[in-house]
Each structure stands twice: as structure tokens, then as C-alpha cells.
N, C-alpha and C. Protein backbone atom coordinates (compact mmCIF):
# COMPACT_ATOMS: atom_id res chain seq x y z
N TYR A 1 0.79 -1.14 0.09
CA TYR A 1 0.09 -0.06 0.35
C TYR A 1 1.10 1.37 0.01
N ARG A 2 0.25 2.09 -0.76
CA ARG A 2 1.28 3.71 -0.89
C ARG A 2 0.35 4.33 -0.37
N LEU A 3 1.68 5.12 0.01
CA LEU A 3 1.12 6.09 1.79
C LEU A 3 0.71 7.64 0.81
N PRO A 4 -0.30 8.46 0.56
CA PRO A 4 0.04 9.40 0.51
C PRO A 4 1.13 10.54 0.39
N LEU A 5 1.90 11.05 -0.83
CA LEU A 5 3.01 11.38 -0.36
C LEU A 5 3.06 12.38 0.76
N LEU A 6 2.15 13.38 1.12
CA LEU A 6 1.57 14.14 2.04
C LEU A 6 1.59 13.50 3.38
N GLY A 7 0.80 12.51 3.26
CA GLY A 7 1.21 11.63 4.87
C GLY A 7 2.64 11.15 4.91
N VAL A 8 4.06 11.08 3.79
CA VAL A 8 5.14 10.64 4.09
C VAL A 8 5.58 12.15 4.38
N ALA A 9 5.53 12.70 4.04
CA ALA A 9 6.04 14.14 3.55
C ALA A 9 5.31 14.80 5.55
N LEU A 10 3.96 14.71 5.88
CA LEU A 10 3.92 14.15 7.72
C LEU A 10 4.42 13.59 8.27
N TRP A 11 4.92 12.44 8.12
CA TRP A 11 5.33 11.37 8.80
C TRP A 11 6.67 11.89 8.87
N LEU A 12 6.99 12.25 7.99
CA LEU A 12 8.91 12.72 8.14
C LEU A 12 9.11 14.07 8.68
N ALA A 13 8.13 15.21 8.74
CA ALA A 13 8.32 15.54 9.69
C ALA A 13 8.50 16.17 11.06
N GLY A 14 7.43 14.51 11.27
CA GLY A 14 7.65 14.77 12.42
C GLY A 14 6.38 15.28 13.41
N CYS A 15 5.01 15.11 13.06
CA CYS A 15 4.18 15.77 13.41
C CYS A 15 3.55 15.06 14.71
N ALA A 16 4.26 15.17 15.71
CA ALA A 16 3.80 14.08 16.59
C ALA A 16 2.61 15.08 17.54
N ALA A 17 1.80 14.64 17.88
CA ALA A 17 0.75 15.43 19.03
C ALA A 17 0.28 15.38 19.89
N PRO A 18 0.45 16.28 21.62
CA PRO A 18 -0.46 15.18 22.68
C PRO A 18 -1.19 14.54 22.83
N ALA A 19 -2.11 13.42 23.51
CA ALA A 19 -2.90 13.24 23.40
C ALA A 19 -3.62 14.35 23.56
N ASP A 20 -5.19 14.44 23.62
CA ASP A 20 -6.13 15.75 24.10
C ASP A 20 -7.06 14.87 24.86
N PRO A 21 -7.31 15.81 25.85
CA PRO A 21 -7.53 14.66 27.14
C PRO A 21 -9.72 15.19 27.18
N THR A 22 -9.96 16.08 25.79
CA THR A 22 -11.40 16.02 25.40
C THR A 22 -11.89 14.55 24.61
N LYS A 23 -10.91 13.66 24.05
CA LYS A 23 -11.08 12.27 23.60
C LYS A 23 -10.17 11.43 25.12
N MET A 24 -10.19 12.01 25.88
CA MET A 24 -10.15 10.79 26.97
C MET A 24 -11.30 10.66 27.74
N VAL A 25 -11.56 11.25 27.80
CA VAL A 25 -13.02 11.70 28.99
C VAL A 25 -14.49 10.41 29.08
N VAL A 26 -14.61 9.73 29.74
CA VAL A 26 -15.30 9.25 29.73
C VAL A 26 -16.80 9.35 30.62
N ALA A 27 -17.82 8.79 29.58
CA ALA A 27 -18.79 9.31 29.89
C ALA A 27 -19.61 8.47 30.43
N PRO A 28 -20.19 8.04 31.71
CA PRO A 28 -20.64 7.34 32.45
C PRO A 28 -22.19 6.47 32.18
N LEU A 29 -21.94 5.52 31.99
CA LEU A 29 -23.86 5.23 31.12
C LEU A 29 -24.24 5.14 32.82
N LEU A 30 -25.80 5.67 32.58
CA LEU A 30 -27.05 5.09 33.52
C LEU A 30 -26.47 3.69 34.24
N THR A 31 -26.99 2.67 32.81
CA THR A 31 -26.89 1.64 33.84
C THR A 31 -25.77 0.82 33.95
N ASP A 32 -24.33 1.57 34.53
CA ASP A 32 -23.43 1.12 34.87
C ASP A 32 -23.42 0.97 36.04
N GLY A 33 -24.14 1.34 36.86
CA GLY A 33 -24.62 1.14 38.36
C GLY A 33 -24.32 2.39 39.28
N ASN A 34 -24.71 2.11 40.05
CA ASN A 34 -24.03 3.58 40.88
C ASN A 34 -22.88 3.58 41.69
N PHE A 35 -22.26 4.47 42.42
CA PHE A 35 -20.80 5.06 43.23
C PHE A 35 -21.67 4.44 44.51
N PRO A 36 -20.64 4.71 45.03
CA PRO A 36 -21.25 4.39 46.66
C PRO A 36 -21.05 5.78 47.27
N PRO A 37 -22.36 5.69 47.82
CA PRO A 37 -22.58 6.93 48.22
C PRO A 37 -21.64 7.61 48.86
N ALA A 38 -20.84 7.67 49.69
CA ALA A 38 -19.98 8.14 49.90
C ALA A 38 -18.88 9.34 48.88
N LEU A 39 -19.03 8.69 48.17
CA LEU A 39 -17.93 8.82 47.34
C LEU A 39 -18.78 10.48 45.86
N VAL A 40 -20.00 10.12 46.41
CA VAL A 40 -20.32 11.22 45.69
C VAL A 40 -20.47 12.53 46.14
N LYS A 41 -20.27 13.41 44.88
CA LYS A 41 -19.34 14.67 45.33
C LYS A 41 -18.72 15.10 46.45
N ALA A 42 -17.72 14.18 46.80
CA ALA A 42 -16.67 13.81 47.69
C ALA A 42 -15.40 13.73 47.64
N MET A 43 -15.26 13.55 46.11
CA MET A 43 -13.44 12.81 45.12
C MET A 43 -13.07 14.88 44.78
N CYS A 44 -11.71 14.51 44.72
CA CYS A 44 -10.89 14.97 43.86
C CYS A 44 -9.87 14.31 43.28
N VAL A 45 -9.37 15.18 42.60
CA VAL A 45 -7.56 14.52 41.53
C VAL A 45 -6.49 15.24 42.13
N ARG A 46 -6.14 14.58 43.22
CA ARG A 46 -5.11 15.25 44.02
C ARG A 46 -3.85 16.15 42.98
N GLY A 47 -3.43 14.58 41.89
CA GLY A 47 -2.18 14.69 41.19
C GLY A 47 -2.05 13.54 40.69
N VAL A 48 -1.25 13.82 38.92
CA VAL A 48 -0.87 12.20 38.65
C VAL A 48 0.92 12.86 37.90
N THR A 49 0.89 11.94 38.39
CA THR A 49 2.55 11.75 37.80
C THR A 49 2.30 10.70 36.77
N GLY A 50 4.00 10.73 36.37
CA GLY A 50 4.83 9.23 35.47
C GLY A 50 4.30 9.60 34.09
N GLY A 51 3.69 10.95 33.51
CA GLY A 51 3.34 10.77 32.33
C GLY A 51 4.58 12.09 31.52
N SER A 52 4.54 12.06 30.41
CA SER A 52 5.52 13.17 29.51
C SER A 52 4.91 13.65 28.89
N GLY A 53 5.80 14.53 28.49
CA GLY A 53 5.43 15.32 27.17
C GLY A 53 5.20 14.96 26.00
N THR A 54 5.04 15.60 25.08
CA THR A 54 4.93 15.03 23.48
C THR A 54 6.10 15.77 22.88
N ASN A 55 7.32 15.28 22.84
CA ASN A 55 8.26 15.76 21.45
C ASN A 55 7.70 15.74 20.22
N PRO A 56 7.11 16.84 19.11
CA PRO A 56 6.40 16.82 17.39
C PRO A 56 7.43 15.93 17.21
N MET A 57 9.70 16.10 17.34
CA MET A 57 9.51 15.38 16.36
C MET A 57 10.03 13.82 16.22
N TRP A 58 9.26 13.12 17.60
CA TRP A 58 8.56 11.95 18.43
C TRP A 58 8.10 11.33 17.95
N VAL A 59 7.48 10.79 19.13
CA VAL A 59 5.69 10.22 19.45
C VAL A 59 4.82 10.34 19.97
N SER A 60 3.55 10.36 19.74
CA SER A 60 2.31 11.08 20.87
C SER A 60 2.82 10.49 22.12
N LYS A 61 1.89 11.14 23.23
CA LYS A 61 2.82 10.82 24.63
C LYS A 61 1.28 10.96 25.08
N VAL A 62 1.41 10.80 26.92
CA VAL A 62 0.71 11.12 26.84
C VAL A 62 0.76 12.15 28.71
N GLY A 63 0.78 13.46 28.42
CA GLY A 63 1.27 14.51 29.77
C GLY A 63 0.87 14.12 31.34
N ASN A 64 0.95 14.26 32.52
CA ASN A 64 0.28 14.29 33.60
C ASN A 64 -1.07 15.34 33.42
N GLU A 65 -0.62 16.69 33.16
CA GLU A 65 -2.02 17.76 32.50
C GLU A 65 -3.31 17.15 31.99
N GLU A 66 -3.00 16.00 30.96
CA GLU A 66 -3.89 15.62 29.84
C GLU A 66 -4.39 14.61 30.43
N PHE A 67 -4.02 13.78 31.60
CA PHE A 67 -4.22 12.51 32.24
C PHE A 67 -5.37 13.23 33.03
N LYS A 68 -4.63 14.24 33.97
CA LYS A 68 -5.15 14.69 35.05
C LYS A 68 -6.77 15.51 34.35
N ALA A 69 -6.59 16.39 33.55
CA ALA A 69 -8.36 16.89 33.23
C ALA A 69 -9.56 15.68 32.57
N ALA A 70 -8.78 14.75 31.70
CA ALA A 70 -9.46 13.76 31.19
C ALA A 70 -9.88 13.39 32.30
N LEU A 71 -9.59 12.64 33.61
CA LEU A 71 -9.77 11.85 34.70
C LEU A 71 -10.93 12.73 35.36
N THR A 72 -10.55 14.19 36.04
CA THR A 72 -11.86 14.90 36.63
C THR A 72 -12.56 15.35 35.87
N ALA A 73 -12.20 15.69 34.45
CA ALA A 73 -13.52 15.64 33.93
C ALA A 73 -14.60 14.31 33.71
N SER A 74 -14.36 13.19 33.81
CA SER A 74 -14.79 12.11 33.96
C SER A 74 -15.41 11.37 35.33
N MET A 75 -14.54 11.81 36.16
CA MET A 75 -15.48 12.00 37.15
C MET A 75 -16.31 13.11 38.14
N GLU A 76 -16.34 13.89 36.84
CA GLU A 76 -17.61 15.36 37.08
C GLU A 76 -18.59 14.73 36.71
N LYS A 77 -18.97 13.94 35.53
CA LYS A 77 -19.25 13.80 34.79
C LYS A 77 -20.49 12.39 35.63
N ALA A 78 -19.73 11.71 36.32
CA ALA A 78 -20.20 11.03 36.85
C ALA A 78 -20.71 11.42 38.47
N ASP A 79 -20.61 12.43 38.87
CA ASP A 79 -20.80 12.96 40.07
C ASP A 79 -20.61 12.74 41.09
N LEU A 80 -18.56 13.12 40.89
CA LEU A 80 -17.65 12.57 41.81
C LEU A 80 -16.83 13.49 41.91
N ILE A 81 -16.96 14.72 41.66
CA ILE A 81 -16.40 15.49 42.11
C ILE A 81 -16.86 16.66 42.87
N ALA A 82 -16.16 16.61 44.31
CA ALA A 82 -16.39 17.65 45.75
C ALA A 82 -15.99 18.47 44.54
N PRO A 83 -17.21 19.70 45.51
CA PRO A 83 -16.70 21.59 45.96
C PRO A 83 -15.70 21.88 46.27
N ALA A 84 -15.02 23.11 45.36
CA ALA A 84 -13.76 23.56 46.61
C ALA A 84 -13.84 23.18 47.59
N GLN A 85 -12.93 22.61 48.25
CA GLN A 85 -12.62 22.45 49.49
C GLN A 85 -13.04 21.70 49.89
N GLY A 86 -14.20 20.70 49.24
CA GLY A 86 -14.83 20.09 50.19
C GLY A 86 -14.76 17.89 49.71
N CYS A 87 -13.13 17.87 49.34
CA CYS A 87 -12.73 17.24 49.12
C CYS A 87 -12.73 15.90 49.74
N LYS A 88 -13.28 15.10 50.22
CA LYS A 88 -13.16 14.40 51.42
C LYS A 88 -12.18 12.73 50.83
N TYR A 89 -11.95 12.42 49.05
CA TYR A 89 -11.78 11.08 49.11
C TYR A 89 -10.22 11.82 47.62
N PRO A 90 -8.79 12.44 48.31
CA PRO A 90 -8.41 12.54 47.03
C PRO A 90 -7.89 11.69 46.57
N THR A 91 -7.49 11.89 45.03
CA THR A 91 -7.24 10.36 44.24
C THR A 91 -6.20 10.91 43.67
N ASP A 92 -4.97 10.25 43.62
CA ASP A 92 -3.43 9.84 42.96
C ASP A 92 -3.59 9.16 41.82
N VAL A 93 -3.04 9.55 40.93
CA VAL A 93 -2.71 8.73 39.84
C VAL A 93 -1.14 8.48 39.32
N ASN A 94 -0.40 7.19 39.45
CA ASN A 94 1.06 6.99 38.36
C ASN A 94 0.45 7.03 37.39
N LEU A 95 0.99 7.70 36.34
CA LEU A 95 1.48 6.25 34.63
C LEU A 95 2.52 5.88 35.03
N LEU A 96 2.76 4.64 34.71
CA LEU A 96 3.79 3.74 35.26
C LEU A 96 4.27 3.67 34.01
N GLY A 97 3.08 3.93 32.59
CA GLY A 97 3.81 3.72 31.30
C GLY A 97 2.77 3.57 29.70
N LEU A 98 3.36 3.29 28.78
CA LEU A 98 2.62 3.45 27.50
C LEU A 98 3.50 2.10 27.39
N SER A 99 3.17 1.47 27.02
CA SER A 99 3.59 -0.09 26.00
C SER A 99 3.25 0.74 24.58
N GLN A 100 3.90 1.11 23.68
CA GLN A 100 3.66 2.00 22.83
C GLN A 100 4.61 0.71 20.96
N PRO A 101 3.82 0.38 19.95
CA PRO A 101 4.76 -0.28 18.89
C PRO A 101 5.38 1.15 18.08
N ILE A 102 6.62 0.43 17.93
CA ILE A 102 7.23 1.52 16.92
C ILE A 102 6.31 1.70 15.51
N ALA A 103 5.85 0.97 14.82
CA ALA A 103 5.32 0.66 13.06
C ALA A 103 4.33 0.05 13.19
N GLY A 104 2.96 -0.04 12.81
CA GLY A 104 2.52 -0.88 11.72
C GLY A 104 1.38 -0.74 11.13
N LEU A 105 0.66 -0.98 11.01
CA LEU A 105 -0.65 -0.35 10.37
C LEU A 105 -1.83 0.00 11.97
N ASP A 106 -1.75 -1.34 12.15
CA ASP A 106 -3.10 -1.41 13.37
C ASP A 106 -1.78 -1.30 14.59
N MET A 107 -2.40 0.40 15.27
CA MET A 107 -1.85 0.03 16.34
C MET A 107 -2.29 0.12 17.72
N GLU A 108 -1.45 -0.93 18.65
CA GLU A 108 -2.14 -1.02 20.13
C GLU A 108 -1.37 -0.70 21.17
N VAL A 109 -1.71 0.37 22.00
CA VAL A 109 -0.91 0.77 22.95
C VAL A 109 -1.62 0.85 24.27
N THR A 110 -0.94 -0.05 25.30
CA THR A 110 -1.34 -0.29 26.78
C THR A 110 -0.35 0.74 27.50
N SER A 111 -1.79 1.05 29.01
CA SER A 111 -1.71 2.41 29.25
C SER A 111 -1.28 1.55 30.41
N HIS A 112 -0.10 1.75 31.26
CA HIS A 112 -0.03 0.83 32.98
C HIS A 112 -0.67 1.93 33.76
N ALA A 113 -0.97 2.41 34.94
CA ALA A 113 -1.08 3.28 35.36
C ALA A 113 -2.12 2.80 37.35
N ASN A 114 -1.49 3.47 37.58
CA ASN A 114 -1.91 2.76 39.80
C ASN A 114 -2.72 4.18 39.93
N TYR A 115 -3.69 3.83 40.79
CA TYR A 115 -5.02 4.33 40.85
C TYR A 115 -4.85 3.95 42.50
N LYS A 116 -4.89 5.63 43.36
CA LYS A 116 -5.48 5.38 44.52
C LYS A 116 -5.50 6.25 45.09
N VAL A 117 -6.99 6.08 46.01
CA VAL A 117 -8.02 6.61 46.47
C VAL A 117 -8.12 6.68 48.09
N TYR A 118 -7.80 7.89 48.92
CA TYR A 118 -7.34 8.24 50.43
C TYR A 118 -8.62 8.16 50.62
N ASP A 119 -8.92 7.96 52.51
CA ASP A 119 -10.40 8.78 52.67
C ASP A 119 -9.91 10.43 53.47
N ALA A 120 -10.75 10.85 54.43
CA ALA A 120 -9.89 12.33 54.61
C ALA A 120 -8.50 11.80 56.06
N ALA A 121 -8.02 10.73 56.08
CA ALA A 121 -7.08 10.23 57.41
C ALA A 121 -5.84 9.94 56.71
N ASN A 122 -6.55 10.12 54.92
CA ASN A 122 -5.14 9.61 54.47
C ASN A 122 -5.13 8.72 55.19
N GLN A 123 -5.88 7.71 54.86
CA GLN A 123 -5.44 5.92 54.61
C GLN A 123 -6.47 5.66 53.38
N PRO A 124 -5.60 4.56 52.60
CA PRO A 124 -6.23 3.73 51.45
C PRO A 124 -7.14 3.35 51.42
N VAL A 125 -8.21 3.59 50.40
CA VAL A 125 -9.51 3.13 50.38
C VAL A 125 -9.41 2.18 49.34
N LEU A 126 -8.70 2.62 47.95
CA LEU A 126 -8.46 1.51 46.92
C LEU A 126 -7.38 2.09 46.40
N GLN A 127 -6.47 0.98 45.97
CA GLN A 127 -5.12 0.89 45.04
C GLN A 127 -5.29 -0.13 43.91
N GLU A 128 -5.04 0.92 42.70
CA GLU A 128 -5.82 -0.56 41.65
C GLU A 128 -5.02 0.00 40.71
N THR A 129 -3.55 -1.34 40.22
CA THR A 129 -3.10 -0.97 39.34
C THR A 129 -4.21 -1.52 37.60
N ILE A 130 -4.12 -0.49 36.87
CA ILE A 130 -5.06 -0.84 35.56
C ILE A 130 -3.74 -1.19 34.37
N SER A 131 -4.20 -2.24 33.54
CA SER A 131 -3.14 -1.68 32.99
C SER A 131 -4.27 -2.10 31.05
N ALA A 132 -4.49 -1.50 30.77
CA ALA A 132 -5.79 -1.26 29.49
C ALA A 132 -5.11 -0.20 27.82
N PRO A 133 -5.31 -1.75 27.45
CA PRO A 133 -5.26 -1.54 25.91
C PRO A 133 -5.82 -1.33 25.29
N TYR A 134 -5.94 -0.34 24.15
CA TYR A 134 -6.75 -0.15 22.63
C TYR A 134 -5.59 0.02 21.68
N THR A 135 -6.33 -0.53 20.81
CA THR A 135 -5.67 -0.57 19.60
C THR A 135 -6.74 0.31 17.60
N ALA A 136 -5.99 1.13 17.46
CA ALA A 136 -6.44 2.00 16.65
C ALA A 136 -6.03 1.22 14.89
N LYS A 137 -7.17 0.96 14.54
CA LYS A 137 -6.99 0.08 13.26
C LYS A 137 -6.60 1.42 12.21
N PHE A 138 -6.00 0.59 10.87
CA PHE A 138 -5.65 1.26 9.70
C PHE A 138 -6.29 2.82 8.91
N GLY A 139 -7.75 1.75 9.17
CA GLY A 139 -9.07 2.84 8.67
C GLY A 139 -9.56 4.19 9.11
N GLU A 140 -9.15 3.88 10.93
CA GLU A 140 -8.98 5.65 11.47
C GLU A 140 -8.37 6.77 11.21
N HIS A 141 -7.40 6.33 10.19
CA HIS A 141 -6.30 7.32 9.88
C HIS A 141 -5.04 6.99 9.31
N ALA A 142 -4.86 7.19 7.75
CA ALA A 142 -3.85 6.92 7.18
C ALA A 142 -2.77 6.53 7.28
N ILE A 143 -2.13 8.09 9.13
CA ILE A 143 -0.94 8.28 9.08
C ILE A 143 -0.81 7.34 10.77
N ALA A 144 0.28 6.82 10.28
CA ALA A 144 0.70 6.37 11.60
C ALA A 144 0.65 7.38 13.37
N ILE A 145 1.53 8.20 13.03
CA ILE A 145 1.90 9.22 14.26
C ILE A 145 0.07 9.48 14.84
N TYR A 146 -0.80 10.03 13.93
CA TYR A 146 -2.18 9.92 14.23
C TYR A 146 -3.19 8.76 14.41
N ARG A 147 -2.87 7.77 13.72
CA ARG A 147 -3.06 6.53 14.77
C ARG A 147 -2.86 6.15 15.88
N LEU A 148 -1.43 6.66 15.81
CA LEU A 148 -0.79 6.25 17.71
C LEU A 148 -1.39 7.41 18.63
N GLN A 149 -1.29 8.35 18.46
CA GLN A 149 -2.28 9.05 19.19
C GLN A 149 -3.44 8.80 19.51
N LYS A 150 -4.76 8.56 18.73
CA LYS A 150 -5.91 7.79 18.90
C LYS A 150 -5.95 6.39 19.56
N ALA A 151 -4.55 5.97 19.67
CA ALA A 151 -4.72 4.76 20.56
C ALA A 151 -4.05 5.22 21.83
N ASN A 152 -2.99 5.87 22.09
CA ASN A 152 -2.95 6.70 23.31
C ASN A 152 -4.32 7.25 24.40
N GLU A 153 -4.74 8.16 23.65
CA GLU A 153 -6.09 8.56 24.08
C GLU A 153 -7.19 7.45 24.37
N GLY A 154 -7.13 6.70 23.42
CA GLY A 154 -8.22 5.14 23.46
C GLY A 154 -7.56 4.45 24.83
N SER A 155 -6.61 3.96 25.20
CA SER A 155 -5.61 3.65 25.73
C SER A 155 -6.46 4.45 27.53
N ILE A 156 -5.94 5.41 27.77
CA ILE A 156 -6.54 6.23 28.20
C ILE A 156 -7.70 6.20 28.88
N ARG A 157 -8.67 6.51 27.85
CA ARG A 157 -10.11 6.75 28.29
C ARG A 157 -10.70 4.92 28.91
N LYS A 158 -10.11 3.47 28.07
CA LYS A 158 -10.05 3.40 28.44
C LYS A 158 -9.95 2.47 30.19
N SER A 159 -8.31 3.05 30.47
CA SER A 159 -8.19 2.71 31.88
C SER A 159 -9.14 3.62 33.00
N ILE A 160 -9.21 4.57 32.32
CA ILE A 160 -10.53 5.66 33.42
C ILE A 160 -12.11 4.91 33.12
N SER A 161 -12.07 4.03 32.69
CA SER A 161 -13.14 3.81 32.40
C SER A 161 -13.27 2.41 33.77
N MET A 162 -12.13 1.87 33.66
CA MET A 162 -11.85 0.29 34.52
C MET A 162 -11.60 1.53 35.79
N PHE A 163 -11.33 2.62 35.95
CA PHE A 163 -11.22 2.98 37.47
C PHE A 163 -12.42 3.71 37.77
N LEU A 164 -13.47 3.46 36.89
CA LEU A 164 -14.68 4.23 37.28
C LEU A 164 -15.46 3.03 38.05
N ASP A 165 -15.50 1.38 37.02
CA ASP A 165 -16.17 0.30 37.13
C ASP A 165 -15.21 -0.45 38.82
N LYS A 166 -13.68 0.01 39.30
CA LYS A 166 -13.15 -0.23 40.61
C LYS A 166 -14.24 0.43 41.58
N LEU A 167 -14.31 1.93 41.98
CA LEU A 167 -15.13 2.62 41.91
C LEU A 167 -16.04 2.33 42.55
N ARG A 168 -16.60 1.48 41.34
CA ARG A 168 -18.55 1.27 41.83
C ARG A 168 -18.13 0.51 42.29
N ALA A 169 -17.70 -0.81 42.65
CA ALA A 169 -17.32 -1.72 43.45
C ALA A 169 -16.93 -1.98 44.70
N THR A 170 -16.61 -0.92 45.01
CA THR A 170 -15.17 0.06 46.35
C THR A 170 -16.30 0.12 47.53
N LYS A 171 -16.31 -0.46 47.95
CA LYS A 171 -17.17 -0.71 49.92
C LYS A 171 -16.02 0.33 50.39
N ILE A 172 -17.29 1.13 51.22
CA ILE A 172 -16.85 2.47 51.60
C ILE A 172 -17.02 2.25 53.02
N PRO A 173 -16.30 2.33 53.66
CA PRO A 173 -17.54 2.55 55.45
C PRO A 173 -18.29 3.47 56.13
């Protein structure tokens, strides 16, 4: 298969873009079940570490701020975010890494993230390491750097979704 000349030129120019937080946001479905009442409007995202910025001359990555924005927006949609100064359950995330392909038609990325939710006494109520694979197919975009970006975003979106599922199942005293 011959890539269009423009596609090859863009690939060679190194136009990698960082992950878009809006494409990593999860909108929980009403059928997904309820969250423990203690968590509703009582959580915040305290910090995200381990992410890395994208070098436009290399490959797309997921930065801490992008991950934090997507996680916060997802938790807001789930009605979990506390009003200012009302956070009883701070959440910290460490992005342990992204397993990314070097090349390929279909780009599969697996994100590895450690989520920790603490109570008011700073004791962990949930500690979970989540590995979330996502494949961006060749048909989604002909240019590899954009497929890789889509795979990054899809992997983080899936990770956040799996985290929300773990929260639903968490027993809060």
C-alpha cells in the first residue's frame, strides 16, 4: 500500500501531537450502576505523575496535565467531584507507562496506571493498577502518528473507565 505523498511528508516532518484530554473523557452510562454514596460529590484528583510531554519530532505521549484533565472531567460527569474545599477522597494516579508500537498498520497501546484513593485520614480505600489496551485501526487514519495518538487516547479512556468500574465496586465504610 502506498501512502499519499502528503502523509509521508507529515510523517517525516515529525508532527506528533500530545493526547487530547477531551478524547480521553469517559461518560458513564446510567446502566453502569451507582457509585457508593460516600463518594458522590466527595472526590478530587489530587495529582497525576509519570506522564511525559510529547516531543513533536518523536511520538505522541500522554502528559500529566492531559491525564488529570480527562480524569477530572470523567469524574465530574459521574457526579463524583467535590465542590471546592470539600474533597474527602483525594485520588492520585501514577502513569507507570505506555506500551507503544514502533510501527504498524494497527497501533495497539496499553497504558499502565496505578490509581490510589484515600480517605480523610489519608488511608487508602482503593489501590489498583490497571493495564488498558486499545487498538487504533489503520482505517481510522492513514498516518501512523495520528493512529498512535488515537491509541494513546483510547487506552487512557479505557483505563479511566476501568477505574470508575472499580470505584463502583468499592466498599466505603
